Amino acid sequence: MPNIIYTDSYNKKAAAFLKKHPDLINQYEKTLRLMELNPGHPSLKLHKLKGKHSDLYAVSINYNYRISLLFLLQDDTIVPVYVGSHDEVY
């Protein structure tokens, strides 16, 4: 299982996101749990980003919202970077 490291910066972004979208709390928490158990699970739709964010990956919370991630695969570590809408993350 990967180790997920939540930075203070990400925690602030996540808190603001969940305050704005309280209806997504359960989906958000489910996404994080699943990511911790199996980041390659098909329902997460894990994919590498392109362009200026080419060092990041993203997983889906639902059709409209994503979490961008920095994978440090050598240490089996995941660092969430940003959570937001498709357009905000990309």
Protein backbone atom coordinates (compact mmCIF):
# COMPACT_ATOMS: atom_id res chain seq x y z
CA MET A 1 0.00 0.00 0.00
CA PRO A 2 1.31 3.46 -0.81
CA ASN A 3 1.97 6.04 1.83
CA ILE A 4 -0.07 9.24 1.35
CA ILE A 5 1.50 12.44 2.65
CA TYR A 6 -0.88 15.36 3.13
CA THR A 7 0.92 18.71 3.11
CA ASP A 8 -0.42 21.74 4.97
CA SER A 9 -0.94 23.44 1.62
CA TYR A 10 -3.06 20.55 0.31
CA ASN A 11 -5.05 20.32 3.55
CA LYS A 12 -6.00 24.00 3.23
CA LYS A 13 -7.06 23.51 -0.40
CA ALA A 14 -9.04 20.40 0.50
CA ALA A 15 -10.79 22.17 3.41
CA ALA A 16 -11.78 25.06 1.12
CA PHE A 17 -12.94 22.62 -1.56
CA LEU A 18 -15.09 20.64 0.90
CA LYS A 19 -16.54 23.81 2.42
CA LYS A 20 -17.61 24.88 -1.08
CA HIS A 21 -18.84 21.36 -1.98
CA PRO A 22 -20.13 19.67 1.20
CA ASP A 23 -22.18 17.30 -0.95
CA LEU A 24 -18.93 15.71 -2.17
CA ILE A 25 -17.44 14.83 1.24
CA ASN A 26 -18.39 11.13 1.02
CA GLN A 27 -17.13 10.78 -2.56
CA TYR A 28 -13.91 12.64 -1.69
CA GLU A 29 -13.22 10.41 1.33
CA LYS A 30 -14.03 7.28 -0.67
CA THR A 31 -11.58 8.39 -3.37
CA LEU A 32 -8.79 8.87 -0.80
CA ARG A 33 -9.45 5.48 0.82
CA LEU A 34 -9.45 3.72 -2.53
CA MET A 35 -6.30 5.56 -3.59
CA GLU A 36 -4.58 4.35 -0.44
CA LEU A 37 -5.64 0.75 -1.04
CA ASN A 38 -5.10 0.63 -4.80
CA PRO A 39 -4.15 3.79 -6.72
CA GLY A 40 -4.56 1.88 -9.98
CA HIS A 41 -8.20 0.98 -9.33
CA PRO A 42 -10.20 1.58 -12.54
CA SER A 43 -12.82 3.78 -10.85
CA LEU A 44 -10.11 6.34 -9.95
CA LYS A 45 -9.22 6.82 -13.63
CA LEU A 46 -5.60 7.52 -12.72
CA HIS A 47 -3.78 9.28 -15.54
CA LYS A 48 -0.66 11.34 -16.12
CA LEU A 49 -1.16 15.02 -16.89
CA LYS A 50 0.40 16.80 -19.85
CA GLY A 51 1.88 20.21 -20.53
CA LYS A 52 2.92 22.38 -17.60
CA HIS A 53 1.63 19.72 -15.15
CA SER A 54 3.45 16.80 -16.78
CA ASP A 55 5.08 15.86 -13.46
CA LEU A 56 1.63 15.22 -11.92
CA TYR A 57 -1.10 12.62 -12.15
CA ALA A 58 -4.82 12.95 -11.48
CA VAL A 59 -7.59 10.76 -10.11
CA SER A 60 -11.30 11.35 -10.40
CA ILE A 61 -13.60 12.08 -7.50
CA ASN A 62 -16.51 12.09 -9.94
CA TYR A 63 -17.14 13.25 -13.49
CA ASN A 64 -16.48 16.93 -12.68
CA TYR A 65 -13.90 16.91 -9.88
CA ARG A 66 -10.32 15.65 -9.64
CA ILE A 67 -7.39 15.41 -7.26
CA SER A 68 -3.98 16.08 -8.79
CA LEU A 69 -1.15 14.03 -7.33
CA LEU A 70 2.59 13.85 -7.24
CA PHE A 71 3.68 10.21 -7.28
CA LEU A 72 7.04 9.40 -5.80
CA LEU A 73 7.06 5.82 -6.99
CA GLN A 74 10.52 4.96 -5.72
CA ASP A 75 9.32 5.51 -2.17
CA ASP A 76 5.79 4.22 -2.82
CA THR A 77 4.54 7.64 -1.76
CA ILE A 78 1.64 9.76 -3.00
CA VAL A 79 1.47 13.49 -2.29
CA PRO A 80 -1.90 15.10 -3.13
CA VAL A 81 -1.28 18.54 -4.64
CA TYR A 82 -4.64 20.03 -5.60
CA VAL A 83 -8.33 19.22 -5.51
CA GLY A 84 -10.88 20.96 -7.71
CA SER A 85 -12.91 20.90 -10.87
CA HIS A 86 -11.55 19.44 -14.07
CA ASP A 87 -10.64 22.90 -15.37
CA GLU A 88 -9.02 23.97 -12.10
CA VAL A 89 -6.83 20.87 -11.87
CA TYR A 90 -5.82 20.92 -15.53
